Each structure stands twice: as structure tokens, then as C-alpha cells.
Amino acid sequence: MPAWVDGKLFFYADSPPRRLMDLFSLKWSSMVLHALYHWPEKRARTGELQRSLQGISKKMLFQTLKELEQRGLIARHVYDVVPPKVDYRLTPLGLTFAAPIEQMYQWGLENQAALDAMEANLRAATDVSSDAPPSRDPSANAD
């Protein structure tokens, strides 16, 4: 659990929020869980997943699938056919994680204006910093 120390909130490495956010540190993990949650029978083949997740590379998809499988959130099923056929399915544990992800995605659908404002702020901040002339002060780049 996060703890209050001297009036400040600390998130220890083993706290539930930190452990949950560890899952989201994988860029595509929530998207894969979300896609599988909505796929018929909660399962999909690799190519289907890749086509449904615009922008994911084959390498990144395989890394994400492997990580989710290692965490027990999805299961890989290999069919005994020629040519080989493989699909990925949500496990019962994966379904447990999919529910709050669905809530987060629903929030995004309902709050698109907030997301647009956030992106506009980011664009404005990065446009300003990229338009600014480089600093001649060497201490400006020191951290």
C-alpha cells in the first residue's frame, strides 16, 4: 500500500499501484488485452491482432504477447494442423485485468475533449522548445 511519511505519499516498489503500473509500462499491453477482450471468444491470431493494432510492429507484438503470456494474462494455443496455426486467448486472470482497462478506455471515449486539450498543450510546448534557438550557456544543458 502507498504510505504517508511526514505528510507525503510514498509508493513503495511492492505497493499494489506500482505493481499494476508495471503492467502498463509495456506500451502495447493494455491495447492487446483490450483487443482480445473484444474479440470473439476472447481469442485472436497474431496477424489479426497486428492488423487491429495500427502502428505495432511484428517484433513489438511478439514481445508484448510473450510478456503477457509470462505474466499469465494470456495463453498461447497451438493447433495441431499444417500449416501451423496459433492463437492467443485471455486467461481468467487476464479477464480480471481487462475490466479496469475497459473502464479506462471508456473514460477516453467519453472525455475526448480532455485528450485533445492535453495533446494540444504538448504540441504547443514542444513546438515552442523546438523553435527556440539553442542556448549558448553551457550550464543550461547540465543536469
C-alpha atoms as a PDB file:
ATOM      1  CA  MET A   1       0.000   0.000   0.000  1.00  0.00           C
ATOM      2  CA  PRO A   2       1.197   3.519  -0.503  1.00  0.00           C
ATOM      3  CA  ALA A   3       2.231   5.030   2.795  1.00  0.00           C
ATOM      4  CA  TRP A   4       2.137   8.516   4.235  1.00  0.00           C
ATOM      5  CA  VAL A   5       5.516   9.615   5.598  1.00  0.00           C
ATOM      6  CA  ASP A   6       5.860  13.106   7.039  1.00  0.00           C
ATOM      7  CA  GLY A   7       2.684  14.185   5.263  1.00  0.00           C
ATOM      8  CA  LYS A   8       3.897  12.918   1.872  1.00  0.00           C
ATOM      9  CA  LEU A   9       2.653   9.928  -0.078  1.00  0.00           C
ATOM     10  CA  PHE A  10       5.239   7.242  -0.888  1.00  0.00           C
ATOM     11  CA  PHE A  11       4.687   4.415  -3.376  1.00  0.00           C
ATOM     12  CA  TYR A  12       6.980   1.587  -2.360  1.00  0.00           C
ATOM     13  CA  ALA A  13       8.231  -0.796  -5.062  1.00  0.00           C
ATOM     14  CA  ASP A  14       5.959  -3.605  -3.845  1.00  0.00           C
ATOM     15  CA  SER A  15       2.841  -1.441  -3.488  1.00  0.00           C
ATOM     16  CA  PRO A  16      -0.213  -2.546  -5.488  1.00  0.00           C
ATOM     17  CA  PRO A  17      -0.358   0.684  -7.550  1.00  0.00           C
ATOM     18  CA  ARG A  18       3.295   0.302  -8.580  1.00  0.00           C
ATOM     19  CA  ARG A  19       2.802  -3.374  -9.435  1.00  0.00           C
ATOM     20  CA  LEU A  20      -0.237  -2.514 -11.566  1.00  0.00           C
ATOM     21  CA  MET A  21       1.544   0.324 -13.343  1.00  0.00           C
ATOM     22  CA  ASP A  22       4.398  -2.085 -14.131  1.00  0.00           C
ATOM     23  CA  LEU A  23       1.983  -3.842 -16.494  1.00  0.00           C
ATOM     24  CA  PHE A  24       1.265  -0.545 -18.249  1.00  0.00           C
ATOM     25  CA  SER A  25       4.961   0.213 -18.691  1.00  0.00           C
ATOM     26  CA  LEU A  26       4.716  -2.124 -21.673  1.00  0.00           C
ATOM     27  CA  LYS A  27       3.441   0.256 -24.328  1.00  0.00           C
ATOM     28  CA  TRP A  28       1.060  -2.164 -26.063  1.00  0.00           C
ATOM     29  CA  SER A  29      -0.041  -4.404 -23.177  1.00  0.00           C
ATOM     30  CA  SER A  30      -3.343  -2.670 -22.450  1.00  0.00           C
ATOM     31  CA  MET A  31      -4.142  -2.465 -26.176  1.00  0.00           C
ATOM     32  CA  VAL A  32      -3.575  -6.210 -26.655  1.00  0.00           C
ATOM     33  CA  LEU A  33      -5.694  -7.050 -23.599  1.00  0.00           C
ATOM     34  CA  HIS A  34      -8.383  -4.629 -24.820  1.00  0.00           C
ATOM     35  CA  ALA A  35      -8.372  -6.163 -28.322  1.00  0.00           C
ATOM     36  CA  LEU A  36      -8.577  -9.728 -27.021  1.00  0.00           C
ATOM     37  CA  TYR A  37     -11.351  -8.748 -24.620  1.00  0.00           C
ATOM     38  CA  HIS A  38     -13.486  -7.647 -27.572  1.00  0.00           C
ATOM     39  CA  TRP A  39     -12.502 -10.435 -29.969  1.00  0.00           C
ATOM     40  CA  PRO A  40     -14.987 -13.275 -30.466  1.00  0.00           C
ATOM     41  CA  GLU A  41     -14.348 -15.929 -27.830  1.00  0.00           C
ATOM     42  CA  LYS A  42     -11.666 -13.619 -26.347  1.00  0.00           C
ATOM     43  CA  ARG A  43      -9.039 -15.066 -28.723  1.00  0.00           C
ATOM     44  CA  ALA A  44      -7.253 -13.959 -31.893  1.00  0.00           C
ATOM     45  CA  ARG A  45      -4.472 -14.995 -34.215  1.00  0.00           C
ATOM     46  CA  THR A  46      -1.260 -12.997 -34.365  1.00  0.00           C
ATOM     47  CA  GLY A  47      -1.925 -11.478 -37.788  1.00  0.00           C
ATOM     48  CA  GLU A  48      -5.423 -10.439 -36.757  1.00  0.00           C
ATOM     49  CA  LEU A  49      -4.057  -8.691 -33.694  1.00  0.00           C
ATOM     50  CA  GLN A  50      -1.363  -6.925 -35.685  1.00  0.00           C
ATOM     51  CA  ARG A  51      -3.874  -5.650 -38.250  1.00  0.00           C
ATOM     52  CA  SER A  52      -6.184  -4.403 -35.495  1.00  0.00           C
ATOM     53  CA  LEU A  53      -3.416  -2.525 -33.635  1.00  0.00           C
ATOM     54  CA  GLN A  54      -2.329   0.145 -36.097  1.00  0.00           C
ATOM     55  CA  GLY A  55       1.322   1.069 -35.618  1.00  0.00           C
ATOM     56  CA  ILE A  56       2.534  -2.029 -33.784  1.00  0.00           C
ATOM     57  CA  SER A  57       5.440  -3.830 -35.398  1.00  0.00           C
ATOM     58  CA  LYS A  58       5.536  -7.607 -35.623  1.00  0.00           C
ATOM     59  CA  LYS A  59       8.543  -7.632 -33.283  1.00  0.00           C
ATOM     60  CA  MET A  60       6.787  -5.465 -30.671  1.00  0.00           C
ATOM     61  CA  LEU A  61       3.619  -7.543 -30.909  1.00  0.00           C
ATOM     62  CA  PHE A  62       5.555 -10.758 -30.278  1.00  0.00           C
ATOM     63  CA  GLN A  63       7.421  -9.170 -27.347  1.00  0.00           C
ATOM     64  CA  THR A  64       4.164  -7.950 -25.838  1.00  0.00           C
ATOM     65  CA  LEU A  65       2.439 -11.309 -26.321  1.00  0.00           C
ATOM     66  CA  LYS A  66       5.384 -13.107 -24.710  1.00  0.00           C
ATOM     67  CA  GLU A  67       5.385 -10.747 -21.723  1.00  0.00           C
ATOM     68  CA  LEU A  68       1.619 -11.066 -21.226  1.00  0.00           C
ATOM     69  CA  GLU A  69       1.896 -14.849 -21.506  1.00  0.00           C
ATOM     70  CA  GLN A  70       4.686 -14.913 -18.905  1.00  0.00           C
ATOM     71  CA  ARG A  71       2.505 -12.870 -16.558  1.00  0.00           C
ATOM     72  CA  GLY A  72      -0.336 -15.370 -17.028  1.00  0.00           C
ATOM     73  CA  LEU A  73      -2.716 -12.852 -18.625  1.00  0.00           C
ATOM     74  CA  ILE A  74      -2.954 -14.601 -21.985  1.00  0.00           C
ATOM     75  CA  ALA A  75      -2.444 -18.170 -23.159  1.00  0.00           C
ATOM     76  CA  ARG A  76      -0.892 -19.261 -26.442  1.00  0.00           C
ATOM     77  CA  HIS A  77      -2.727 -22.119 -28.139  1.00  0.00           C
ATOM     78  CA  VAL A  78      -1.001 -24.064 -30.922  1.00  0.00           C
ATOM     79  CA  TYR A  79      -3.275 -26.138 -33.162  1.00  0.00           C
ATOM     80  CA  ASP A  80      -2.030 -29.475 -34.487  1.00  0.00           C
ATOM     81  CA  VAL A  81      -2.530 -28.596 -38.169  1.00  0.00           C
ATOM     82  CA  VAL A  82      -0.439 -27.927 -41.254  1.00  0.00           C
ATOM     83  CA  PRO A  83       0.318 -25.132 -41.842  1.00  0.00           C
ATOM     84  CA  PRO A  84       0.751 -24.283 -38.145  1.00  0.00           C
ATOM     85  CA  LYS A  85      -1.963 -22.182 -36.539  1.00  0.00           C
ATOM     86  CA  VAL A  86      -1.554 -20.269 -33.268  1.00  0.00           C
ATOM     87  CA  ASP A  87      -3.933 -18.055 -31.375  1.00  0.00           C
ATOM     88  CA  TYR A  88      -3.812 -16.091 -28.142  1.00  0.00           C
ATOM     89  CA  ARG A  89      -6.576 -16.037 -25.542  1.00  0.00           C
ATOM     90  CA  LEU A  90      -7.311 -14.144 -22.389  1.00  0.00           C
ATOM     91  CA  THR A  91      -6.906 -16.257 -19.283  1.00  0.00           C
ATOM     92  CA  PRO A  92      -9.240 -15.862 -16.300  1.00  0.00           C
ATOM     93  CA  LEU A  93      -6.506 -13.702 -14.736  1.00  0.00           C
ATOM     94  CA  GLY A  94      -6.337 -11.661 -17.945  1.00  0.00           C
ATOM     95  CA  LEU A  95     -10.093 -11.074 -17.770  1.00  0.00           C
ATOM     96  CA  THR A  96      -9.582  -9.671 -14.260  1.00  0.00           C
ATOM     97  CA  PHE A  97      -7.172  -7.089 -15.671  1.00  0.00           C
ATOM     98  CA  ALA A  98      -9.286  -6.380 -18.750  1.00  0.00           C
ATOM     99  CA  ALA A  99     -12.207  -4.971 -16.732  1.00  0.00           C
ATOM    100  CA  PRO A 100     -10.399  -1.872 -15.372  1.00  0.00           C
ATOM    101  CA  ILE A 101      -8.732  -1.369 -18.757  1.00  0.00           C
ATOM    102  CA  GLU A 102     -12.201  -1.247 -20.285  1.00  0.00           C
ATOM    103  CA  GLN A 103     -13.185   1.436 -17.775  1.00  0.00           C
ATOM    104  CA  MET A 104     -10.124   3.479 -18.720  1.00  0.00           C
ATOM    105  CA  TYR A 105     -10.861   3.139 -22.439  1.00  0.00           C
ATOM    106  CA  GLN A 106     -14.489   4.124 -21.846  1.00  0.00           C
ATOM    107  CA  TRP A 107     -13.298   7.201 -19.973  1.00  0.00           C
ATOM    108  CA  GLY A 108     -11.177   8.074 -23.026  1.00  0.00           C
ATOM    109  CA  LEU A 109     -14.198   7.797 -25.305  1.00  0.00           C
ATOM    110  CA  GLU A 110     -16.260   9.996 -23.001  1.00  0.00           C
ATOM    111  CA  ASN A 111     -13.510  12.596 -22.496  1.00  0.00           C
ATOM    112  CA  GLN A 112     -12.068  13.100 -25.961  1.00  0.00           C
ATOM    113  CA  ALA A 113     -12.048  16.881 -25.476  1.00  0.00           C
ATOM    114  CA  ALA A 114      -9.732  16.492 -22.483  1.00  0.00           C
ATOM    115  CA  LEU A 115      -7.424  14.245 -24.519  1.00  0.00           C
ATOM    116  CA  ASP A 116      -7.445  16.767 -27.385  1.00  0.00           C
ATOM    117  CA  ALA A 117      -6.552  19.579 -24.963  1.00  0.00           C
ATOM    118  CA  MET A 118      -3.717  17.518 -23.491  1.00  0.00           C
ATOM    119  CA  GLU A 119      -2.289  16.826 -26.963  1.00  0.00           C
ATOM    120  CA  ALA A 120      -2.639  20.498 -27.951  1.00  0.00           C
ATOM    121  CA  ASN A 121      -0.715  21.512 -24.817  1.00  0.00           C
ATOM    122  CA  LEU A 122       2.030  19.019 -25.644  1.00  0.00           C
ATOM    123  CA  ARG A 123       2.256  20.203 -29.253  1.00  0.00           C
ATOM    124  CA  ALA A 124       2.424  23.827 -28.140  1.00  0.00           C
ATOM    125  CA  ALA A 125       5.132  23.062 -25.583  1.00  0.00           C
ATOM    126  CA  THR A 126       7.257  21.021 -27.980  1.00  0.00           C
ATOM    127  CA  ASP A 127       6.782  23.495 -30.855  1.00  0.00           C
ATOM    128  CA  VAL A 128       7.981  26.341 -28.641  1.00  0.00           C
ATOM    129  CA  SER A 129      11.010  24.420 -27.411  1.00  0.00           C
ATOM    130  CA  SER A 130      11.941  23.208 -30.911  1.00  0.00           C
ATOM    131  CA  ASP A 131      11.610  26.754 -32.328  1.00  0.00           C
ATOM    132  CA  ALA A 132      13.778  28.293 -29.621  1.00  0.00           C
ATOM    133  CA  PRO A 133      17.403  28.973 -30.578  1.00  0.00           C
ATOM    134  CA  PRO A 134      19.928  26.732 -28.847  1.00  0.00           C
ATOM    135  CA  SER A 135      21.294  28.154 -25.618  1.00  0.00           C
ATOM    136  CA  ARG A 136      24.909  29.333 -25.648  1.00  0.00           C
ATOM    137  CA  ASP A 137      25.116  28.922 -21.887  1.00  0.00           C
ATOM    138  CA  PRO A 138      26.840  25.530 -21.218  1.00  0.00           C
ATOM    139  CA  SER A 139      25.279  25.332 -17.753  1.00  0.00           C
ATOM    140  CA  ALA A 140      21.785  25.363 -19.330  1.00  0.00           C
ATOM    141  CA  ASN A 141      22.302  21.783 -20.552  1.00  0.00           C
ATOM    142  CA  ALA A 142      23.799  20.478 -17.307  1.00  0.00           C
ATOM    143  CA  ASP A 143      21.566  18.397 -15.073  1.00  0.00           C
END
